[in-house]
């Protein structure tokens, strides 16, 4: 299966109050072939750091069977219990045997550790379908991805894309709710 660029987005919620708007927007993006949600998890982290996980998705039944529980495997949650951990370890060992270093200590991202105690998070693994033609054109031209990331609204002030007030408000909305920096 050919797949487009994939991104893991972790969204924090200090006091989740879901009304279906997020799921509806993901579905709208899916229907327009902009993105595909490969997998999604809701993680509730208790005040004591104890984790509860629920699987969320807008995949079709066929896609769910094909893709399985990818986010859990990616961040080490073992959603499918011991059987899932064994399957994930087997895939990692197979990749290592083929000479592919899947994760290095320097590149490790402790997603679960970044979720503050007493809050919740949605972990959404997205395929950027819109980017497939762009990626293919870059590869065809001999290019490679060197880096990527979201730009903070605070950084956009310097180039005049947003005002300082807009940037402060957006940054506060994006980070203050769960104590992120």
N, C-alpha and C. Protein backbone atom coordinates (compact mmCIF):
# COMPACT_ATOMS: atom_id res chain seq x y z
N UNK A 1 0.85 -1.17 0.00
CA UNK A 1 0.00 0.00 0.00
C UNK A 1 0.89 1.24 0.00
N UNK A 2 0.74 2.11 -0.98
CA UNK A 2 1.46 3.38 -1.00
C UNK A 2 0.77 4.32 -0.02
N UNK A 3 1.58 5.06 0.71
CA UNK A 3 1.01 5.95 1.72
C UNK A 3 1.65 7.32 1.60
N UNK A 4 0.86 8.35 1.87
CA UNK A 4 1.36 9.72 1.84
C UNK A 4 2.10 10.06 3.11
N UNK A 5 2.60 11.29 3.21
CA UNK A 5 3.28 11.72 4.43
C UNK A 5 2.36 11.53 5.65
N UNK A 6 2.93 11.01 6.73
CA UNK A 6 2.16 10.70 7.94
C UNK A 6 2.65 11.57 9.09
N UNK A 7 1.72 12.04 9.90
CA UNK A 7 2.04 12.91 11.03
C UNK A 7 1.24 12.46 12.25
N UNK A 8 1.90 12.46 13.40
CA UNK A 8 1.22 12.21 14.67
C UNK A 8 0.98 13.55 15.33
N UNK A 9 -0.29 13.86 15.59
CA UNK A 9 -0.65 15.10 16.28
C UNK A 9 -1.20 14.72 17.65
N UNK A 10 -0.68 15.37 18.68
CA UNK A 10 -1.14 15.13 20.05
C UNK A 10 -1.85 16.40 20.52
N UNK A 11 -3.14 16.28 20.81
CA UNK A 11 -3.96 17.42 21.21
C UNK A 11 -4.36 17.26 22.66
N UNK A 12 -4.08 18.27 23.48
CA UNK A 12 -4.36 18.19 24.90
C UNK A 12 -5.69 18.80 25.27
N UNK A 13 -6.34 18.22 26.29
CA UNK A 13 -7.63 18.68 26.79
C UNK A 13 -7.63 18.62 28.31
N UNK A 14 -7.55 19.78 29.00
CA UNK A 14 -7.53 19.75 30.46
C UNK A 14 -8.85 19.27 31.04
N UNK A 15 -9.95 19.57 30.38
CA UNK A 15 -11.28 19.13 30.82
C UNK A 15 -12.10 18.85 29.57
N UNK A 16 -11.95 17.65 29.01
CA UNK A 16 -12.61 17.35 27.73
C UNK A 16 -14.12 17.60 27.79
N UNK A 17 -14.59 18.27 26.76
CA UNK A 17 -16.01 18.58 26.63
C UNK A 17 -16.36 18.41 25.16
N UNK A 18 -16.35 17.17 24.69
CA UNK A 18 -16.52 16.89 23.28
C UNK A 18 -17.99 16.89 22.88
N UNK A 19 -18.25 17.47 21.73
CA UNK A 19 -19.61 17.52 21.20
C UNK A 19 -19.66 17.00 19.77
N UNK A 20 -18.60 16.33 19.31
CA UNK A 20 -18.58 15.78 17.97
C UNK A 20 -18.03 16.71 16.91
N UNK A 21 -17.67 17.92 17.28
CA UNK A 21 -17.17 18.88 16.28
C UNK A 21 -15.83 18.45 15.70
N UNK A 22 -14.93 17.92 16.52
CA UNK A 22 -13.62 17.49 16.03
C UNK A 22 -13.80 16.32 15.07
N UNK A 23 -14.58 15.33 15.46
CA UNK A 23 -14.83 14.18 14.58
C UNK A 23 -15.47 14.62 13.28
N UNK A 24 -16.39 15.58 13.33
CA UNK A 24 -17.04 16.07 12.12
C UNK A 24 -16.04 16.75 11.19
N UNK A 25 -15.11 17.51 11.76
CA UNK A 25 -14.10 18.18 10.92
C UNK A 25 -13.15 17.16 10.31
N UNK A 26 -12.74 16.16 11.08
CA UNK A 26 -11.89 15.11 10.51
C UNK A 26 -12.62 14.37 9.38
N UNK A 27 -13.89 14.13 9.56
CA UNK A 27 -14.68 13.47 8.51
C UNK A 27 -14.78 14.35 7.27
N UNK A 28 -14.96 15.65 7.45
CA UNK A 28 -15.02 16.57 6.30
C UNK A 28 -13.71 16.53 5.52
N UNK A 29 -12.59 16.56 6.24
CA UNK A 29 -11.28 16.51 5.59
C UNK A 29 -11.07 15.17 4.88
N UNK A 30 -11.58 14.12 5.46
CA UNK A 30 -11.47 12.79 4.86
C UNK A 30 -12.28 12.73 3.56
N UNK A 31 -13.49 13.24 3.61
CA UNK A 31 -14.36 13.21 2.43
C UNK A 31 -13.79 14.02 1.28
N UNK A 32 -12.99 15.05 1.58
CA UNK A 32 -12.39 15.87 0.53
C UNK A 32 -11.03 15.31 0.08
N UNK A 33 -10.64 14.15 0.61
CA UNK A 33 -9.35 13.52 0.31
C UNK A 33 -8.16 14.40 0.70
N UNK A 34 -8.36 15.26 1.69
CA UNK A 34 -7.28 16.09 2.20
C UNK A 34 -6.40 15.27 3.14
N UNK A 35 -7.02 14.57 4.06
CA UNK A 35 -6.31 13.71 5.01
C UNK A 35 -7.03 12.38 5.13
N UNK A 36 -6.35 11.44 5.72
CA UNK A 36 -6.97 10.19 6.15
C UNK A 36 -6.52 9.97 7.58
N UNK A 37 -7.44 9.71 8.47
CA UNK A 37 -7.07 9.37 9.84
C UNK A 37 -6.71 7.89 9.83
N UNK A 38 -5.43 7.60 10.03
CA UNK A 38 -4.98 6.22 10.06
C UNK A 38 -5.44 5.56 11.35
N UNK A 39 -5.31 6.31 12.45
CA UNK A 39 -5.73 5.79 13.73
C UNK A 39 -5.82 6.96 14.71
N UNK A 40 -6.59 6.78 15.75
CA UNK A 40 -6.72 7.82 16.77
C UNK A 40 -7.03 7.18 18.11
N UNK A 41 -6.42 7.73 19.15
CA UNK A 41 -6.65 7.26 20.51
C UNK A 41 -7.00 8.43 21.40
N UNK A 42 -7.86 8.18 22.36
CA UNK A 42 -8.11 9.13 23.44
C UNK A 42 -7.39 8.58 24.66
N UNK A 43 -6.57 9.40 25.27
CA UNK A 43 -5.81 9.00 26.45
C UNK A 43 -6.21 9.89 27.61
N UNK A 44 -6.71 9.28 28.67
CA UNK A 44 -7.04 10.00 29.90
C UNK A 44 -5.93 9.68 30.89
N UNK A 45 -5.28 10.71 31.41
CA UNK A 45 -4.19 10.51 32.37
C UNK A 45 -4.65 11.02 33.72
N UNK A 46 -4.80 10.13 34.67
CA UNK A 46 -5.25 10.49 36.00
C UNK A 46 -4.26 11.36 36.74
N UNK A 47 -4.70 11.93 37.86
CA UNK A 47 -3.83 12.77 38.68
C UNK A 47 -2.61 12.01 39.16
N UNK A 48 -2.74 10.67 39.27
CA UNK A 48 -1.63 9.82 39.71
C UNK A 48 -0.79 9.32 38.54
N UNK A 49 -1.09 9.78 37.30
CA UNK A 49 -0.35 9.36 36.12
C UNK A 49 -0.86 8.08 35.49
N UNK A 50 -1.89 7.47 36.10
CA UNK A 50 -2.48 6.24 35.55
C UNK A 50 -3.17 6.56 34.22
N UNK A 51 -3.01 5.67 33.25
CA UNK A 51 -3.50 5.91 31.90
C UNK A 51 -4.70 5.04 31.57
N UNK A 52 -5.72 5.65 30.95
CA UNK A 52 -6.85 4.92 30.37
C UNK A 52 -6.90 5.30 28.90
N UNK A 53 -7.10 4.31 28.04
CA UNK A 53 -7.05 4.53 26.61
C UNK A 53 -8.33 4.04 25.95
N UNK A 54 -8.83 4.84 25.01
CA UNK A 54 -9.98 4.44 24.20
C UNK A 54 -9.62 4.66 22.74
N UNK A 55 -10.01 3.76 21.89
CA UNK A 55 -9.72 3.85 20.47
C UNK A 55 -10.79 4.71 19.80
N UNK A 56 -10.36 5.71 19.04
CA UNK A 56 -11.26 6.58 18.28
C UNK A 56 -10.87 6.46 16.81
N UNK A 57 -11.82 6.53 15.93
CA UNK A 57 -11.45 6.52 14.53
C UNK A 57 -12.62 6.88 13.66
N UNK A 58 -12.32 7.37 12.47
CA UNK A 58 -13.35 7.54 11.46
C UNK A 58 -13.01 6.69 10.24
N UNK A 59 -12.24 5.62 10.48
CA UNK A 59 -11.91 4.69 9.41
C UNK A 59 -13.13 3.86 9.03
N UNK A 60 -13.14 3.44 7.79
CA UNK A 60 -14.15 2.46 7.39
C UNK A 60 -13.77 1.14 8.03
N UNK A 61 -14.69 0.18 8.07
CA UNK A 61 -14.38 -1.13 8.64
C UNK A 61 -13.20 -1.77 7.91
N UNK A 62 -13.17 -1.63 6.59
CA UNK A 62 -12.09 -2.21 5.78
C UNK A 62 -10.74 -1.59 6.15
N UNK A 63 -10.70 -0.25 6.30
CA UNK A 63 -9.46 0.43 6.67
C UNK A 63 -9.02 0.04 8.08
N UNK A 64 -9.96 -0.10 8.99
CA UNK A 64 -9.63 -0.46 10.36
C UNK A 64 -8.97 -1.84 10.41
N UNK A 65 -9.47 -2.78 9.64
CA UNK A 65 -8.88 -4.12 9.59
C UNK A 65 -7.49 -4.05 9.00
N UNK A 66 -7.33 -3.26 7.93
CA UNK A 66 -6.05 -3.14 7.24
C UNK A 66 -4.98 -2.49 8.11
N UNK A 67 -5.34 -1.44 8.86
CA UNK A 67 -4.35 -0.64 9.56
C UNK A 67 -4.16 -1.00 11.03
N UNK A 68 -5.17 -1.61 11.64
CA UNK A 68 -5.03 -2.02 13.03
C UNK A 68 -4.83 -0.84 13.97
N UNK A 69 -4.22 -1.09 15.11
CA UNK A 69 -4.02 -0.06 16.13
C UNK A 69 -2.62 0.53 16.00
N UNK A 70 -2.47 1.46 15.07
CA UNK A 70 -1.16 2.01 14.74
C UNK A 70 -0.64 2.99 15.78
N UNK A 71 -1.48 3.87 16.28
CA UNK A 71 -1.01 4.88 17.24
C UNK A 71 -0.49 4.19 18.50
N UNK A 72 -1.22 3.23 19.01
CA UNK A 72 -0.78 2.52 20.20
C UNK A 72 0.57 1.87 20.00
N UNK A 73 0.76 1.27 18.84
CA UNK A 73 2.06 0.65 18.55
C UNK A 73 3.15 1.71 18.44
N UNK A 74 2.84 2.84 17.82
CA UNK A 74 3.81 3.89 17.61
C UNK A 74 4.30 4.50 18.91
N UNK A 75 3.40 4.70 19.87
CA UNK A 75 3.80 5.35 21.12
C UNK A 75 3.97 4.37 22.27
N UNK A 76 3.88 3.07 21.99
CA UNK A 76 4.16 2.06 22.99
C UNK A 76 3.07 1.82 24.00
N UNK A 77 1.81 2.01 23.60
CA UNK A 77 0.72 1.78 24.53
C UNK A 77 0.22 0.34 24.53
N UNK A 78 0.52 -0.42 23.50
CA UNK A 78 0.09 -1.81 23.49
C UNK A 78 -1.40 -1.97 23.64
N UNK A 79 -2.18 -1.27 22.82
CA UNK A 79 -3.64 -1.27 22.94
C UNK A 79 -4.22 -2.67 22.83
N UNK A 80 -3.59 -3.51 22.03
CA UNK A 80 -4.09 -4.87 21.86
C UNK A 80 -3.54 -5.81 22.92
N UNK A 81 -3.08 -5.26 24.04
CA UNK A 81 -2.56 -6.08 25.13
C UNK A 81 -1.25 -6.73 24.76
N UNK A 82 -0.96 -7.84 25.41
CA UNK A 82 0.30 -8.53 25.20
C UNK A 82 0.46 -8.98 23.76
N UNK A 83 -0.64 -9.41 23.15
CA UNK A 83 -0.60 -9.85 21.75
C UNK A 83 -0.14 -8.69 20.84
N UNK A 84 -0.64 -7.49 21.09
CA UNK A 84 -0.24 -6.32 20.31
C UNK A 84 1.22 -5.95 20.52
N UNK A 85 1.69 -6.05 21.77
CA UNK A 85 3.09 -5.76 22.05
C UNK A 85 4.01 -6.75 21.35
N UNK A 86 3.63 -8.01 21.36
CA UNK A 86 4.44 -9.05 20.71
C UNK A 86 4.49 -8.80 19.20
N UNK A 87 3.33 -8.48 18.60
CA UNK A 87 3.28 -8.22 17.16
C UNK A 87 4.14 -7.01 16.81
N UNK A 88 4.06 -5.95 17.61
CA UNK A 88 4.86 -4.75 17.36
C UNK A 88 6.35 -5.03 17.50
N UNK A 89 6.72 -5.80 18.51
CA UNK A 89 8.13 -6.15 18.71
C UNK A 89 8.65 -6.98 17.55
N UNK A 90 7.82 -7.88 17.04
CA UNK A 90 8.22 -8.72 15.91
C UNK A 90 8.48 -7.86 14.67
N UNK A 91 7.61 -6.89 14.42
CA UNK A 91 7.81 -6.01 13.27
C UNK A 91 9.08 -5.18 13.43
N UNK A 92 9.32 -4.67 14.64
CA UNK A 92 10.53 -3.90 14.90
C UNK A 92 11.79 -4.74 14.72
N UNK A 93 11.76 -5.98 15.20
CA UNK A 93 12.91 -6.88 15.05
C UNK A 93 13.16 -7.19 13.57
N UNK A 94 12.08 -7.37 12.83
CA UNK A 94 12.21 -7.65 11.39
C UNK A 94 12.87 -6.47 10.68
N UNK A 95 12.44 -5.26 11.00
CA UNK A 95 13.03 -4.06 10.39
C UNK A 95 14.50 -3.94 10.76
N UNK A 96 14.83 -4.21 12.03
CA UNK A 96 16.23 -4.13 12.48
C UNK A 96 17.08 -5.15 11.76
N UNK A 97 16.54 -6.36 11.54
CA UNK A 97 17.27 -7.41 10.85
C UNK A 97 17.57 -7.01 9.41
N UNK A 98 16.71 -6.18 8.85
CA UNK A 98 16.91 -5.71 7.48
C UNK A 98 17.81 -4.48 7.44
N UNK A 99 18.37 -4.09 8.59
CA UNK A 99 19.29 -2.97 8.65
C UNK A 99 18.63 -1.62 8.80
N UNK A 100 17.35 -1.58 9.13
CA UNK A 100 16.63 -0.32 9.29
C UNK A 100 16.56 0.02 10.76
N UNK A 101 17.14 1.18 11.14
CA UNK A 101 17.04 1.64 12.52
C UNK A 101 15.72 2.38 12.64
N UNK A 102 14.75 1.77 13.32
CA UNK A 102 13.42 2.33 13.41
C UNK A 102 13.41 3.55 14.31
N UNK A 103 13.95 3.45 15.51
CA UNK A 103 13.99 4.56 16.46
C UNK A 103 15.38 4.63 17.06
N UNK A 104 15.88 5.85 17.24
CA UNK A 104 17.12 6.04 17.98
C UNK A 104 16.77 6.73 19.29
N UNK A 105 17.64 6.63 20.26
CA UNK A 105 17.41 7.29 21.55
C UNK A 105 17.28 8.81 21.36
N UNK A 106 18.07 9.38 20.43
CA UNK A 106 18.03 10.82 20.19
C UNK A 106 16.70 11.27 19.62
N UNK A 107 16.07 10.42 18.80
CA UNK A 107 14.83 10.78 18.12
C UNK A 107 13.59 10.37 18.91
N UNK A 108 13.77 9.70 20.03
CA UNK A 108 12.61 9.20 20.78
C UNK A 108 11.76 10.37 21.29
N UNK A 109 10.45 10.18 21.24
CA UNK A 109 9.50 11.19 21.69
C UNK A 109 8.58 10.52 22.69
N UNK A 110 8.65 10.95 23.94
CA UNK A 110 7.81 10.36 24.98
C UNK A 110 6.46 11.07 24.98
N UNK A 111 5.61 10.64 24.05
CA UNK A 111 4.31 11.27 23.86
C UNK A 111 3.49 11.20 25.14
N UNK A 112 3.44 10.04 25.76
CA UNK A 112 2.62 9.86 26.95
C UNK A 112 3.17 10.71 28.10
N UNK A 113 4.49 10.81 28.21
CA UNK A 113 5.12 11.61 29.25
C UNK A 113 4.79 13.09 29.13
N UNK A 114 4.50 13.57 27.92
CA UNK A 114 4.19 14.98 27.71
C UNK A 114 2.75 15.33 28.08
N UNK A 115 1.90 14.34 28.27
CA UNK A 115 0.52 14.61 28.66
C UNK A 115 0.51 14.87 30.17
N UNK A 116 0.10 16.06 30.59
CA UNK A 116 0.10 16.37 32.02
C UNK A 116 -0.88 15.47 32.79
N UNK A 117 -0.51 15.10 34.02
CA UNK A 117 -1.40 14.32 34.87
C UNK A 117 -2.72 15.07 35.05
N UNK A 118 -3.80 14.36 35.14
CA UNK A 118 -5.11 14.95 35.35
C UNK A 118 -5.74 15.56 34.11
N UNK A 119 -5.20 15.25 32.92
CA UNK A 119 -5.75 15.78 31.68
C UNK A 119 -6.01 14.64 30.71
N UNK A 120 -6.46 15.00 29.53
CA UNK A 120 -6.69 14.02 28.48
C UNK A 120 -6.00 14.49 27.20
N UNK A 121 -5.81 13.57 26.29
CA UNK A 121 -5.22 13.92 24.99
C UNK A 121 -5.84 13.04 23.91
N UNK A 122 -5.86 13.59 22.73
CA UNK A 122 -6.23 12.81 21.55
C UNK A 122 -4.96 12.67 20.72
N UNK A 123 -4.61 11.44 20.39
CA UNK A 123 -3.45 11.16 19.56
C UNK A 123 -3.99 10.75 18.20
N UNK A 124 -3.71 11.54 17.20
CA UNK A 124 -4.28 11.32 15.88
C UNK A 124 -3.14 11.11 14.87
N UNK A 125 -3.12 9.95 14.24
CA UNK A 125 -2.14 9.63 13.21
C UNK A 125 -2.80 9.90 11.86
N UNK A 126 -2.29 10.93 11.17
CA UNK A 126 -2.88 11.39 9.92
C UNK A 126 -2.00 11.08 8.73
N UNK A 127 -2.62 10.72 7.64
CA UNK A 127 -1.95 10.66 6.35
C UNK A 127 -2.35 11.92 5.60
N UNK A 128 -1.38 12.69 5.16
CA UNK A 128 -1.64 13.91 4.40
C UNK A 128 -1.76 13.56 2.92
N UNK A 129 -2.96 13.20 2.51
CA UNK A 129 -3.19 12.78 1.12
C UNK A 129 -2.94 13.93 0.15
N UNK A 130 -3.23 15.15 0.56
CA UNK A 130 -3.01 16.32 -0.29
C UNK A 130 -1.54 16.46 -0.68
N UNK A 131 -0.63 15.95 0.17
CA UNK A 131 0.80 16.16 -0.03
C UNK A 131 1.45 15.10 -0.92
N UNK A 132 0.73 14.06 -1.29
CA UNK A 132 1.33 12.98 -2.09
C UNK A 132 1.88 13.51 -3.41
N UNK A 133 1.12 14.27 -4.21
CA UNK A 133 1.69 14.77 -5.47
C UNK A 133 2.89 15.69 -5.25
N UNK A 134 2.84 16.51 -4.20
CA UNK A 134 3.98 17.39 -3.90
C UNK A 134 5.20 16.56 -3.52
N UNK A 135 5.01 15.57 -2.63
CA UNK A 135 6.13 14.71 -2.24
C UNK A 135 6.72 14.01 -3.45
N UNK A 136 5.86 13.48 -4.32
CA UNK A 136 6.34 12.77 -5.50
C UNK A 136 7.12 13.70 -6.44
N UNK A 137 6.66 14.96 -6.57
CA UNK A 137 7.36 15.93 -7.41
C UNK A 137 8.72 16.27 -6.82
N UNK A 138 8.80 16.39 -5.50
CA UNK A 138 10.07 16.67 -4.83
C UNK A 138 11.04 15.52 -5.06
N UNK A 139 10.57 14.30 -4.88
CA UNK A 139 11.42 13.12 -5.08
C UNK A 139 11.88 13.05 -6.53
N UNK A 140 10.98 13.30 -7.46
CA UNK A 140 11.30 13.26 -8.88
C UNK A 140 12.38 14.29 -9.23
N UNK A 141 12.38 15.42 -8.51
CA UNK A 141 13.38 16.47 -8.74
C UNK A 141 14.66 16.21 -7.96
N UNK A 142 14.74 15.06 -7.25
CA UNK A 142 15.94 14.72 -6.50
C UNK A 142 15.98 15.29 -5.10
N UNK A 143 14.86 15.79 -4.61
CA UNK A 143 14.82 16.39 -3.29
C UNK A 143 14.49 15.39 -2.20
N UNK A 144 14.79 15.77 -0.97
CA UNK A 144 14.48 14.95 0.21
C UNK A 144 13.98 15.86 1.32
N UNK A 145 13.18 15.31 2.23
CA UNK A 145 12.70 16.05 3.39
C UNK A 145 13.85 16.18 4.38
N UNK A 146 14.19 17.38 4.75
CA UNK A 146 15.23 17.61 5.74
C UNK A 146 14.65 17.81 7.13
N UNK A 147 13.49 18.45 7.21
CA UNK A 147 12.87 18.72 8.49
C UNK A 147 11.43 19.14 8.26
N UNK A 148 10.65 19.16 9.33
CA UNK A 148 9.29 19.67 9.26
C UNK A 148 8.83 20.01 10.66
N UNK A 149 7.77 20.76 10.76
CA UNK A 149 7.21 21.12 12.05
C UNK A 149 6.24 22.26 11.90
N UNK A 150 5.40 22.42 12.91
CA UNK A 150 4.48 23.54 12.93
C UNK A 150 5.22 24.77 13.41
N UNK A 151 4.86 25.91 12.88
CA UNK A 151 5.47 27.18 13.27
C UNK A 151 4.56 27.83 14.31
N UNK A 152 5.14 28.26 15.40
CA UNK A 152 4.38 28.92 16.46
C UNK A 152 3.81 30.24 15.94
N UNK A 153 2.60 30.58 16.38
CA UNK A 153 2.06 31.88 15.97
C UNK A 153 2.95 33.04 16.42
N UNK A 154 3.71 32.86 17.49
CA UNK A 154 4.60 33.92 17.96
C UNK A 154 5.70 34.21 16.93
N UNK A 155 6.14 33.18 16.24
CA UNK A 155 7.17 33.36 15.22
C UNK A 155 6.64 34.06 13.97
N UNK A 156 5.34 34.01 13.76
CA UNK A 156 4.74 34.62 12.57
C UNK A 156 4.66 36.14 12.68
N UNK A 157 4.77 36.67 13.89
CA UNK A 157 4.74 38.12 14.08
C UNK A 157 5.92 38.76 13.36
N UNK A 158 7.10 38.16 13.49
CA UNK A 158 8.32 38.72 12.91
C UNK A 158 8.24 38.89 11.41
N UNK A 159 7.46 38.07 10.74
CA UNK A 159 7.36 38.18 9.29
C UNK A 159 6.09 38.90 8.85
N UNK A 160 5.33 39.39 9.83
CA UNK A 160 4.16 40.18 9.53
C UNK A 160 2.92 39.40 9.12
N UNK A 161 2.91 38.10 9.34
CA UNK A 161 1.75 37.29 8.94
C UNK A 161 0.58 37.46 9.90
N UNK A 162 0.89 37.69 11.19
CA UNK A 162 -0.15 37.96 12.18
C UNK A 162 0.32 39.10 13.08
N UNK A 163 -0.63 39.76 13.73
CA UNK A 163 -0.27 40.82 14.67
C UNK A 163 0.20 40.19 15.98
N UNK A 164 0.87 40.97 16.80
CA UNK A 164 1.35 40.49 18.09
C UNK A 164 0.17 40.06 18.96
N UNK A 165 -0.91 40.84 18.95
CA UNK A 165 -2.09 40.48 19.75
C UNK A 165 -2.71 39.17 19.28
N UNK A 166 -2.83 39.01 17.96
CA UNK A 166 -3.38 37.76 17.42
C UNK A 166 -2.50 36.57 17.80
N UNK A 167 -1.19 36.76 17.69
CA UNK A 167 -0.25 35.68 18.00
C UNK A 167 -0.32 35.29 19.47
N UNK A 168 -0.36 36.29 20.36
CA UNK A 168 -0.44 35.99 21.79
C UNK A 168 -1.73 35.24 22.11
N UNK A 169 -2.83 35.67 21.53
CA UNK A 169 -4.12 35.02 21.79
C UNK A 169 -4.11 33.58 21.27
N UNK A 170 -3.60 33.39 20.05
CA UNK A 170 -3.58 32.04 19.48
C UNK A 170 -2.62 31.15 20.25
N UNK A 171 -1.45 31.66 20.60
CA UNK A 171 -0.47 30.88 21.36
C UNK A 171 -1.05 30.48 22.72
N UNK A 172 -1.71 31.42 23.37
CA UNK A 172 -2.33 31.12 24.67
C UNK A 172 -3.40 30.05 24.52
N UNK A 173 -4.20 30.15 23.48
CA UNK A 173 -5.24 29.16 23.26
C UNK A 173 -4.65 27.78 22.97
N UNK A 174 -3.53 27.74 22.27
CA UNK A 174 -2.90 26.47 21.90
C UNK A 174 -2.13 25.82 23.04
N UNK A 175 -1.65 26.61 23.99
CA UNK A 175 -0.73 26.05 24.98
C UNK A 175 -1.16 26.15 26.44
N UNK A 176 -1.84 27.19 26.81
CA UNK A 176 -2.12 27.44 28.23
C UNK A 176 -3.06 26.42 28.85
N UNK A 177 -3.94 25.86 28.06
CA UNK A 177 -4.97 24.97 28.60
C UNK A 177 -4.40 23.76 29.32
N UNK A 178 -3.30 23.24 28.85
CA UNK A 178 -2.72 22.05 29.48
C UNK A 178 -1.33 22.32 30.06
N UNK A 179 -0.97 23.57 30.17
CA UNK A 179 0.29 23.91 30.79
C UNK A 179 1.49 23.68 29.89
N UNK A 180 1.28 23.61 28.58
CA UNK A 180 2.40 23.43 27.65
C UNK A 180 3.13 24.76 27.50
N UNK A 181 4.31 24.68 26.96
CA UNK A 181 5.07 25.92 26.73
C UNK A 181 5.26 26.19 25.28
